[in-house]
Structure formats: structure tokens, C-alpha cells
N, C-alpha and C. Protein backbone atom coordinates (compact mmCIF):
# COMPACT_ATOMS: atom_id res chain seq x y z
N MET A 1 0.09 20.51 10.33
CA MET A 1 -0.09 20.01 8.96
C MET A 1 -0.71 21.09 8.12
N ALA A 2 -0.19 21.35 6.91
CA ALA A 2 -0.74 22.34 6.03
C ALA A 2 -1.93 21.76 5.28
N THR A 3 -3.06 22.52 5.35
CA THR A 3 -4.25 22.04 4.65
C THR A 3 -4.64 22.96 3.53
N GLY A 4 -4.08 24.17 3.51
CA GLY A 4 -4.49 25.14 2.49
C GLY A 4 -5.68 25.95 2.85
N TYR A 5 -6.17 25.82 4.11
CA TYR A 5 -7.31 26.57 4.56
C TYR A 5 -6.81 27.66 5.50
N PRO A 6 -7.47 28.82 5.53
CA PRO A 6 -7.04 29.88 6.47
C PRO A 6 -7.14 29.38 7.90
N ALA A 7 -6.22 29.88 8.73
CA ALA A 7 -6.20 29.52 10.13
C ALA A 7 -7.52 29.91 10.78
N GLY A 8 -8.12 29.02 11.51
CA GLY A 8 -9.32 29.30 12.23
C GLY A 8 -10.61 29.12 11.39
N ALA A 9 -10.49 28.96 10.12
CA ALA A 9 -11.66 28.83 9.26
C ALA A 9 -11.98 27.38 9.06
N PRO A 10 -13.26 27.04 9.00
CA PRO A 10 -13.58 25.64 8.73
C PRO A 10 -13.22 25.29 7.28
N PRO A 11 -12.96 24.03 7.00
CA PRO A 11 -12.63 23.66 5.65
C PRO A 11 -13.75 24.02 4.69
N MET A 12 -13.39 24.54 3.53
CA MET A 12 -14.37 24.89 2.53
C MET A 12 -14.95 23.63 1.90
N PRO A 13 -16.29 23.52 1.76
CA PRO A 13 -16.82 22.34 1.13
C PRO A 13 -16.32 22.23 -0.30
N MET A 14 -15.94 21.06 -0.71
CA MET A 14 -15.41 20.83 -2.06
C MET A 14 -16.42 19.99 -2.80
N PRO A 15 -16.48 20.15 -4.12
CA PRO A 15 -17.38 19.30 -4.91
C PRO A 15 -17.08 17.85 -4.60
N GLY A 16 -18.16 17.13 -4.41
CA GLY A 16 -18.05 15.69 -4.10
C GLY A 16 -17.80 15.43 -2.63
N PHE A 17 -17.59 16.45 -1.81
CA PHE A 17 -17.32 16.25 -0.41
C PHE A 17 -18.32 16.96 0.51
N GLN A 18 -19.41 17.46 -0.03
CA GLN A 18 -20.39 18.12 0.85
C GLN A 18 -21.00 17.09 1.78
N PRO A 19 -21.19 17.49 3.07
CA PRO A 19 -21.81 16.55 4.00
C PRO A 19 -23.18 16.19 3.46
N GLN A 20 -23.52 14.93 3.56
CA GLN A 20 -24.76 14.45 3.03
C GLN A 20 -25.48 13.57 4.03
N ALA A 21 -26.81 13.47 3.80
CA ALA A 21 -27.55 12.50 4.60
C ALA A 21 -27.08 11.13 4.22
N PRO A 22 -27.33 10.14 5.05
CA PRO A 22 -26.90 8.76 4.72
C PRO A 22 -27.33 8.40 3.31
N ALA A 23 -26.39 7.81 2.59
CA ALA A 23 -26.60 7.45 1.16
C ALA A 23 -26.27 5.98 0.99
N GLN A 24 -26.25 5.58 -0.24
CA GLN A 24 -25.88 4.21 -0.60
C GLN A 24 -24.65 4.30 -1.51
N TRP A 25 -23.88 3.24 -1.54
CA TRP A 25 -22.75 3.17 -2.47
C TRP A 25 -23.30 3.26 -3.89
N SER A 26 -22.60 3.95 -4.76
CA SER A 26 -23.08 4.11 -6.15
C SER A 26 -22.97 2.82 -6.97
N THR A 27 -22.09 1.91 -6.53
CA THR A 27 -21.95 0.60 -7.18
C THR A 27 -21.79 -0.44 -6.07
N GLY A 28 -22.03 -1.68 -6.45
CA GLY A 28 -21.89 -2.76 -5.47
C GLY A 28 -20.44 -3.22 -5.30
N LEU A 29 -20.22 -3.92 -4.23
CA LEU A 29 -18.88 -4.43 -3.93
C LEU A 29 -18.36 -5.34 -5.04
N CYS A 30 -19.22 -6.09 -5.64
CA CYS A 30 -18.81 -7.03 -6.71
C CYS A 30 -19.03 -6.50 -8.09
N GLY A 31 -19.08 -5.16 -8.21
CA GLY A 31 -19.25 -4.54 -9.53
C GLY A 31 -17.91 -4.22 -10.21
N CYS A 32 -16.91 -5.01 -9.95
CA CYS A 32 -15.57 -4.74 -10.43
C CYS A 32 -15.54 -4.59 -11.98
N PHE A 33 -16.38 -5.31 -12.67
CA PHE A 33 -16.31 -5.27 -14.13
C PHE A 33 -17.09 -4.10 -14.69
N ASP A 34 -17.65 -3.22 -13.84
CA ASP A 34 -18.22 -1.97 -14.32
C ASP A 34 -17.11 -1.09 -14.92
N ASP A 35 -15.87 -1.28 -14.46
CA ASP A 35 -14.72 -0.56 -14.94
C ASP A 35 -13.60 -1.57 -15.11
N CYS A 36 -13.57 -2.24 -16.24
CA CYS A 36 -12.62 -3.34 -16.47
C CYS A 36 -11.16 -2.86 -16.39
N GLY A 37 -10.91 -1.64 -16.85
CA GLY A 37 -9.54 -1.11 -16.81
C GLY A 37 -9.05 -1.01 -15.40
N ASN A 38 -9.87 -0.45 -14.52
CA ASN A 38 -9.47 -0.34 -13.13
C ASN A 38 -9.43 -1.65 -12.43
N CYS A 39 -10.32 -2.57 -12.83
CA CYS A 39 -10.31 -3.88 -12.26
C CYS A 39 -8.95 -4.59 -12.51
N CYS A 40 -8.51 -4.50 -13.73
CA CYS A 40 -7.21 -5.12 -14.11
C CYS A 40 -6.06 -4.45 -13.41
N LEU A 41 -6.08 -3.10 -13.39
CA LEU A 41 -5.01 -2.35 -12.69
C LEU A 41 -4.96 -2.76 -11.22
N THR A 42 -6.13 -2.83 -10.59
CA THR A 42 -6.18 -3.16 -9.18
C THR A 42 -5.77 -4.60 -8.91
N PHE A 43 -6.10 -5.52 -9.79
CA PHE A 43 -5.71 -6.88 -9.60
C PHE A 43 -4.18 -7.03 -9.69
N TRP A 44 -3.57 -6.37 -10.65
CA TRP A 44 -2.13 -6.52 -10.87
C TRP A 44 -1.28 -5.56 -10.03
N CYS A 45 -1.82 -4.40 -9.73
CA CYS A 45 -1.02 -3.39 -8.99
C CYS A 45 -1.96 -2.56 -8.06
N PRO A 46 -2.45 -3.19 -6.99
CA PRO A 46 -3.40 -2.51 -6.11
C PRO A 46 -2.84 -1.25 -5.47
N CYS A 47 -1.53 -1.14 -5.39
CA CYS A 47 -0.91 0.04 -4.75
C CYS A 47 -1.25 1.31 -5.51
N ILE A 48 -1.40 1.24 -6.84
CA ILE A 48 -1.73 2.42 -7.63
C ILE A 48 -3.16 2.84 -7.35
N THR A 49 -4.08 1.87 -7.40
CA THR A 49 -5.49 2.20 -7.07
C THR A 49 -5.60 2.77 -5.68
N PHE A 50 -4.93 2.11 -4.70
CA PHE A 50 -5.00 2.60 -3.33
C PHE A 50 -4.43 3.99 -3.23
N GLY A 51 -3.29 4.21 -3.85
CA GLY A 51 -2.64 5.53 -3.78
C GLY A 51 -3.55 6.62 -4.32
N ARG A 52 -4.24 6.35 -5.39
CA ARG A 52 -5.16 7.36 -5.98
C ARG A 52 -6.33 7.62 -5.06
N ILE A 53 -6.85 6.58 -4.46
CA ILE A 53 -7.96 6.74 -3.51
C ILE A 53 -7.50 7.58 -2.32
N ALA A 54 -6.35 7.19 -1.74
CA ALA A 54 -5.86 7.90 -0.57
C ALA A 54 -5.57 9.38 -0.83
N GLU A 55 -5.02 9.68 -1.99
CA GLU A 55 -4.75 11.08 -2.29
C GLU A 55 -6.04 11.91 -2.35
N ILE A 56 -7.10 11.38 -2.94
CA ILE A 56 -8.35 12.12 -3.03
C ILE A 56 -9.02 12.19 -1.64
N VAL A 57 -9.08 11.08 -0.93
CA VAL A 57 -9.69 11.07 0.41
C VAL A 57 -8.98 11.98 1.37
N ASP A 58 -7.66 12.04 1.26
CA ASP A 58 -6.87 12.91 2.17
C ASP A 58 -6.75 14.33 1.63
N ARG A 59 -7.47 14.65 0.55
CA ARG A 59 -7.50 15.98 -0.05
C ARG A 59 -6.12 16.48 -0.42
N GLY A 60 -5.28 15.61 -0.93
CA GLY A 60 -3.97 15.99 -1.40
C GLY A 60 -2.88 16.11 -0.33
N SER A 61 -3.22 15.84 0.93
CA SER A 61 -2.20 15.94 1.97
C SER A 61 -1.18 14.85 1.90
N THR A 62 -1.53 13.72 1.26
CA THR A 62 -0.56 12.70 0.95
C THR A 62 -0.65 12.41 -0.56
N SER A 63 0.47 12.12 -1.16
CA SER A 63 0.48 11.89 -2.59
C SER A 63 0.10 10.44 -2.90
N CYS A 64 -0.30 10.23 -4.11
CA CYS A 64 -0.56 8.87 -4.59
C CYS A 64 0.68 8.02 -4.43
N GLY A 65 1.82 8.53 -4.81
CA GLY A 65 3.07 7.77 -4.72
C GLY A 65 3.43 7.39 -3.29
N THR A 66 3.30 8.32 -2.37
CA THR A 66 3.62 8.03 -0.98
C THR A 66 2.70 6.98 -0.38
N SER A 67 1.38 7.13 -0.62
CA SER A 67 0.43 6.18 -0.09
C SER A 67 0.61 4.82 -0.74
N GLY A 68 0.84 4.80 -2.04
CA GLY A 68 1.05 3.55 -2.74
C GLY A 68 2.31 2.82 -2.26
N ALA A 69 3.39 3.59 -2.03
CA ALA A 69 4.64 3.00 -1.53
C ALA A 69 4.46 2.42 -0.13
N LEU A 70 3.76 3.13 0.71
CA LEU A 70 3.50 2.66 2.08
C LEU A 70 2.66 1.37 2.04
N TYR A 71 1.69 1.37 1.12
CA TYR A 71 0.85 0.15 0.92
C TYR A 71 1.74 -1.05 0.56
N VAL A 72 2.64 -0.87 -0.37
CA VAL A 72 3.53 -1.93 -0.80
C VAL A 72 4.45 -2.38 0.35
N LEU A 73 4.98 -1.40 1.09
CA LEU A 73 5.86 -1.71 2.22
C LEU A 73 5.10 -2.53 3.28
N ILE A 74 3.90 -2.13 3.60
CA ILE A 74 3.12 -2.86 4.59
C ILE A 74 2.81 -4.26 4.09
N ALA A 75 2.47 -4.36 2.80
CA ALA A 75 2.21 -5.68 2.19
C ALA A 75 3.46 -6.56 2.23
N ALA A 76 4.60 -6.00 1.93
CA ALA A 76 5.84 -6.78 1.87
C ALA A 76 6.28 -7.23 3.29
N LEU A 77 6.09 -6.35 4.26
CA LEU A 77 6.57 -6.68 5.62
C LEU A 77 5.59 -7.50 6.43
N THR A 78 4.29 -7.28 6.24
CA THR A 78 3.33 -7.96 7.11
C THR A 78 2.24 -8.75 6.36
N GLY A 79 1.99 -8.37 5.10
CA GLY A 79 0.91 -9.01 4.38
C GLY A 79 -0.45 -8.52 4.82
N CYS A 80 -0.49 -7.47 5.65
CA CYS A 80 -1.75 -6.97 6.20
C CYS A 80 -2.05 -5.57 5.66
N GLN A 81 -1.83 -5.31 4.38
CA GLN A 81 -2.12 -4.02 3.79
C GLN A 81 -3.60 -3.70 3.89
N CYS A 82 -4.42 -4.75 4.07
CA CYS A 82 -5.88 -4.54 4.16
C CYS A 82 -6.24 -3.69 5.38
N LEU A 83 -5.43 -3.77 6.43
CA LEU A 83 -5.71 -2.95 7.62
C LEU A 83 -5.45 -1.49 7.34
N TYR A 84 -4.49 -1.20 6.49
CA TYR A 84 -4.21 0.18 6.09
C TYR A 84 -5.31 0.70 5.15
N SER A 85 -5.68 -0.12 4.18
CA SER A 85 -6.67 0.31 3.18
C SER A 85 -8.07 0.41 3.80
N CYS A 86 -8.36 -0.41 4.79
CA CYS A 86 -9.71 -0.33 5.38
C CYS A 86 -9.92 0.98 6.08
N ALA A 87 -8.85 1.59 6.58
CA ALA A 87 -8.98 2.91 7.23
C ALA A 87 -9.44 3.96 6.21
N TYR A 88 -9.03 3.82 4.99
CA TYR A 88 -9.45 4.76 3.96
C TYR A 88 -10.86 4.52 3.51
N ARG A 89 -11.30 3.24 3.58
CA ARG A 89 -12.73 2.98 3.29
C ARG A 89 -13.56 3.67 4.35
N SER A 90 -13.12 3.60 5.62
CA SER A 90 -13.87 4.24 6.70
C SER A 90 -13.90 5.77 6.49
N LYS A 91 -12.80 6.36 6.08
CA LYS A 91 -12.77 7.81 5.81
C LYS A 91 -13.69 8.16 4.67
N LEU A 92 -13.71 7.37 3.61
CA LEU A 92 -14.55 7.59 2.47
C LEU A 92 -16.02 7.52 2.86
N ARG A 93 -16.36 6.51 3.67
CA ARG A 93 -17.74 6.37 4.11
C ARG A 93 -18.16 7.55 4.95
N ALA A 94 -17.27 8.04 5.80
CA ALA A 94 -17.60 9.22 6.64
C ALA A 94 -17.81 10.48 5.79
N LEU A 95 -17.05 10.64 4.74
CA LEU A 95 -17.18 11.82 3.86
C LEU A 95 -18.55 11.86 3.19
N TYR A 96 -19.09 10.69 2.84
CA TYR A 96 -20.31 10.65 2.05
C TYR A 96 -21.50 10.05 2.81
N GLY A 97 -21.35 9.70 4.03
CA GLY A 97 -22.44 9.10 4.81
C GLY A 97 -22.84 7.75 4.27
N LEU A 98 -21.88 6.99 3.81
CA LEU A 98 -22.16 5.67 3.21
C LEU A 98 -22.28 4.59 4.32
N PRO A 99 -23.13 3.60 4.08
CA PRO A 99 -23.27 2.53 5.09
C PRO A 99 -22.05 1.62 5.14
N GLU A 100 -21.84 1.06 6.25
CA GLU A 100 -20.80 0.05 6.44
C GLU A 100 -21.36 -1.30 5.96
N SER A 101 -21.29 -1.51 4.66
CA SER A 101 -21.92 -2.71 4.12
C SER A 101 -21.02 -3.29 3.02
N PRO A 102 -21.07 -4.53 2.78
CA PRO A 102 -21.97 -5.53 3.34
C PRO A 102 -21.63 -5.96 4.74
N CYS A 103 -20.42 -5.57 5.25
CA CYS A 103 -20.06 -5.84 6.61
C CYS A 103 -19.02 -4.78 7.02
N CYS A 104 -18.39 -4.96 8.16
CA CYS A 104 -17.42 -3.93 8.62
C CYS A 104 -16.27 -3.75 7.61
N ASP A 105 -15.74 -2.56 7.60
CA ASP A 105 -14.71 -2.17 6.62
C ASP A 105 -13.52 -3.12 6.59
N CYS A 106 -13.02 -3.48 7.76
CA CYS A 106 -11.82 -4.34 7.81
C CYS A 106 -12.15 -5.73 7.25
N LEU A 107 -13.31 -6.22 7.52
CA LEU A 107 -13.68 -7.55 7.00
C LEU A 107 -13.87 -7.50 5.48
N VAL A 108 -14.44 -6.42 4.97
CA VAL A 108 -14.56 -6.24 3.52
C VAL A 108 -13.18 -6.29 2.85
N HIS A 109 -12.21 -5.54 3.44
CA HIS A 109 -10.88 -5.48 2.87
C HIS A 109 -10.12 -6.81 3.10
N TRP A 110 -10.37 -7.46 4.23
CA TRP A 110 -9.68 -8.72 4.49
C TRP A 110 -10.17 -9.81 3.53
N CYS A 111 -11.46 -9.86 3.28
CA CYS A 111 -11.99 -10.92 2.42
C CYS A 111 -11.83 -10.65 0.92
N CYS A 112 -11.91 -9.37 0.54
CA CYS A 112 -11.77 -9.07 -0.90
C CYS A 112 -11.16 -7.70 -1.10
N GLU A 113 -9.90 -7.59 -0.88
CA GLU A 113 -9.15 -6.34 -1.00
C GLU A 113 -9.38 -5.70 -2.40
N THR A 114 -9.25 -6.51 -3.45
CA THR A 114 -9.38 -6.00 -4.83
C THR A 114 -10.78 -5.40 -5.04
N CYS A 115 -11.82 -6.11 -4.67
CA CYS A 115 -13.18 -5.60 -4.86
C CYS A 115 -13.42 -4.34 -4.06
N ALA A 116 -12.89 -4.30 -2.83
CA ALA A 116 -13.10 -3.14 -1.96
C ALA A 116 -12.40 -1.91 -2.55
N LEU A 117 -11.17 -2.10 -3.05
CA LEU A 117 -10.47 -0.95 -3.66
C LEU A 117 -11.17 -0.50 -4.93
N CYS A 118 -11.62 -1.43 -5.74
CA CYS A 118 -12.34 -1.08 -6.98
C CYS A 118 -13.62 -0.31 -6.65
N GLN A 119 -14.35 -0.73 -5.63
CA GLN A 119 -15.59 -0.05 -5.28
C GLN A 119 -15.32 1.38 -4.80
N ALA A 120 -14.31 1.59 -3.98
CA ALA A 120 -13.96 2.91 -3.51
C ALA A 120 -13.53 3.83 -4.70
N TYR A 121 -12.75 3.26 -5.60
CA TYR A 121 -12.29 3.99 -6.79
C TYR A 121 -13.48 4.43 -7.63
N ARG A 122 -14.41 3.49 -7.88
CA ARG A 122 -15.64 3.82 -8.66
C ARG A 122 -16.47 4.85 -7.95
N GLU A 123 -16.56 4.77 -6.64
CA GLU A 123 -17.36 5.74 -5.88
C GLU A 123 -16.83 7.14 -6.10
N LEU A 124 -15.53 7.30 -6.02
CA LEU A 124 -14.96 8.63 -6.22
C LEU A 124 -15.11 9.09 -7.66
N GLN A 125 -14.95 8.15 -8.59
CA GLN A 125 -15.17 8.49 -10.03
C GLN A 125 -16.62 8.95 -10.26
N ASN A 126 -17.57 8.22 -9.69
CA ASN A 126 -18.96 8.52 -9.86
C ASN A 126 -19.39 9.85 -9.18
N ARG A 127 -18.53 10.32 -8.29
CA ARG A 127 -18.78 11.60 -7.63
C ARG A 127 -18.04 12.73 -8.28
N GLY A 128 -17.50 12.48 -9.49
CA GLY A 128 -16.92 13.54 -10.29
C GLY A 128 -15.41 13.66 -10.32
N PHE A 129 -14.69 12.76 -9.65
CA PHE A 129 -13.24 12.85 -9.66
C PHE A 129 -12.65 12.10 -10.84
N ASN A 130 -11.67 12.73 -11.50
CA ASN A 130 -10.88 12.05 -12.53
C ASN A 130 -9.71 11.48 -11.81
N MET A 131 -9.77 10.23 -11.44
CA MET A 131 -8.78 9.62 -10.51
C MET A 131 -7.32 9.74 -10.92
N PRO A 132 -6.97 9.53 -12.18
CA PRO A 132 -5.55 9.66 -12.53
C PRO A 132 -5.00 11.07 -12.36
N LEU A 133 -5.86 12.10 -12.28
CA LEU A 133 -5.36 13.47 -12.09
C LEU A 133 -4.91 13.73 -10.67
N GLY A 134 -5.39 12.98 -9.69
CA GLY A 134 -5.09 13.23 -8.33
C GLY A 134 -5.86 14.41 -7.78
N TRP A 135 -5.62 14.72 -6.54
CA TRP A 135 -6.37 15.82 -5.87
C TRP A 135 -6.11 17.15 -6.52
N HIS A 136 -4.83 17.51 -6.66
CA HIS A 136 -4.49 18.83 -7.19
C HIS A 136 -4.95 19.01 -8.66
N GLY A 137 -4.80 17.99 -9.45
CA GLY A 137 -5.27 18.04 -10.82
C GLY A 137 -6.78 18.22 -10.89
N ASN A 138 -7.50 17.56 -10.04
CA ASN A 138 -8.96 17.70 -9.99
C ASN A 138 -9.34 19.09 -9.55
N MET A 139 -8.63 19.67 -8.56
CA MET A 139 -8.95 21.02 -8.11
C MET A 139 -8.68 22.06 -9.23
N GLU A 140 -7.60 21.86 -9.96
CA GLU A 140 -7.31 22.76 -11.07
C GLU A 140 -8.38 22.63 -12.16
N ARG A 141 -8.76 21.39 -12.42
CA ARG A 141 -9.80 21.15 -13.43
C ARG A 141 -11.12 21.78 -12.99
N MET A 142 -11.48 21.64 -11.73
CA MET A 142 -12.72 22.21 -11.24
C MET A 142 -12.70 23.72 -11.21
N GLN A 143 -11.53 24.32 -10.85
CA GLN A 143 -11.42 25.76 -10.89
C GLN A 143 -11.51 26.30 -12.32
N GLY A 144 -10.95 25.54 -13.24
CA GLY A 144 -10.95 25.96 -14.65
C GLY A 144 -12.33 26.01 -15.26
N VAL A 145 -13.26 25.22 -14.73
CA VAL A 145 -14.64 25.27 -15.24
C VAL A 145 -15.56 25.99 -14.30
N GLY A 146 -14.97 26.70 -13.32
CA GLY A 146 -15.77 27.52 -12.41
C GLY A 146 -16.57 26.76 -11.39
N MET A 147 -16.17 25.52 -11.11
CA MET A 147 -16.92 24.75 -10.16
C MET A 147 -16.58 25.10 -8.69
N ILE A 148 -15.37 25.56 -8.42
CA ILE A 148 -14.98 25.92 -7.08
C ILE A 148 -14.21 27.21 -7.06
N GLN A 149 -14.20 27.84 -5.94
CA GLN A 149 -13.39 29.04 -5.73
C GLN A 149 -12.34 28.68 -4.64
N PRO A 150 -11.11 29.10 -4.78
CA PRO A 150 -10.14 28.80 -3.75
C PRO A 150 -10.51 29.58 -2.47
N PRO A 151 -10.23 29.03 -1.29
CA PRO A 151 -10.55 29.73 -0.07
C PRO A 151 -9.68 30.99 0.06
N PRO A 152 -10.23 32.06 0.60
CA PRO A 152 -9.43 33.28 0.78
C PRO A 152 -8.36 33.03 1.85
N VAL A 153 -7.18 33.63 1.68
CA VAL A 153 -6.12 33.55 2.63
C VAL A 153 -6.18 34.79 3.49
N GLN A 154 -6.30 34.61 4.81
CA GLN A 154 -6.39 35.73 5.74
C GLN A 154 -5.07 35.90 6.43
N GLY A 155 -4.47 37.04 6.31
CA GLY A 155 -3.20 37.34 7.00
C GLY A 155 -2.05 36.49 6.57
N GLY A 156 -2.17 35.81 5.43
CA GLY A 156 -1.05 35.04 4.91
C GLY A 156 -0.77 33.76 5.71
N MET A 157 -1.59 33.46 6.69
CA MET A 157 -1.37 32.29 7.53
C MET A 157 -2.13 31.11 6.94
N MET A 158 -1.44 30.02 6.74
CA MET A 158 -2.06 28.78 6.28
C MET A 158 -1.77 27.74 7.31
N ARG A 159 -2.71 26.82 7.53
CA ARG A 159 -2.43 25.71 8.43
C ARG A 159 -2.77 24.44 7.79
């Protein structure tokens, strides 16, 4: 899988993704109305919110469209899209050292998928991501303001 990092080199820390000591969620699970626009979007079309979250958490290795389409497909075939989305909550928590609260990730998504997606979306926004831009748009924006440097390519090999 292509990651954009030189072969053999550890991934470069990215803004918002530096390993951290255990932290707390920046907003509560039921803080959906902190961002009414995203709350409405997630209520009516959760695949878009999920796709945006997945693209950022996966560092652009999957697109918003691909993740959102898979979310819809799983929802249409099984009705258990919460099992797919809870995996991304777990990834997000691992990136930031967030607690598994108020209960395990799958139960949070099973009981309130919309609230869980909104909370993850707000968490990434509060950590500096402009969610509609996606991963690549955020990296271009951050490079443009001197926040990050692209990793050096050694020997032209990318993995």
C-alpha cells in the first residue's frame, strides 16, 4: 500500500496526529448541536460525515467517496454500518489517546450512530482539520502556511 513515506522510514508526525498522553474528547457524545450544520448532514446523510472522518483517519489512503459508498453498501445489505464506523472510532481514539467512553466503541455506534459520528467529526475539526477539504486538501493547506514539510523521498522508492 502506498503511504507517501520513504521506504524504511517511520511515518512523519503530522499536525493533529502527534502521539499524545491520554487525553479527553474535546466535546461530549451528546454535543451534536455544537455544530448544527454537521448534525443535520449526519442525520440525513451519515455516509458523507463517515467518509470525511475515514479519509482523515486513514491519512488519505481511502477517499471520502469510497468510504462513504462502502458505508452505504453495508447499511443497505446488512443494516450494521455501525460495525464499520466503530472501527474508525477505535482508530481515532488510538491516534489521540482518547478514552473509550462513555462505553466501548461498538456500543456507542450501535446505540447512537449519529452522535458518535458527529463527535468524531468535531474532534477532528477541533484538532485543526477542515473536514470538507479531505486529507490532501488539509495537507496542501498546512504546507501553504508552513505548518508541515513533506517527507524526503529517498531513492525514489515510496511505499
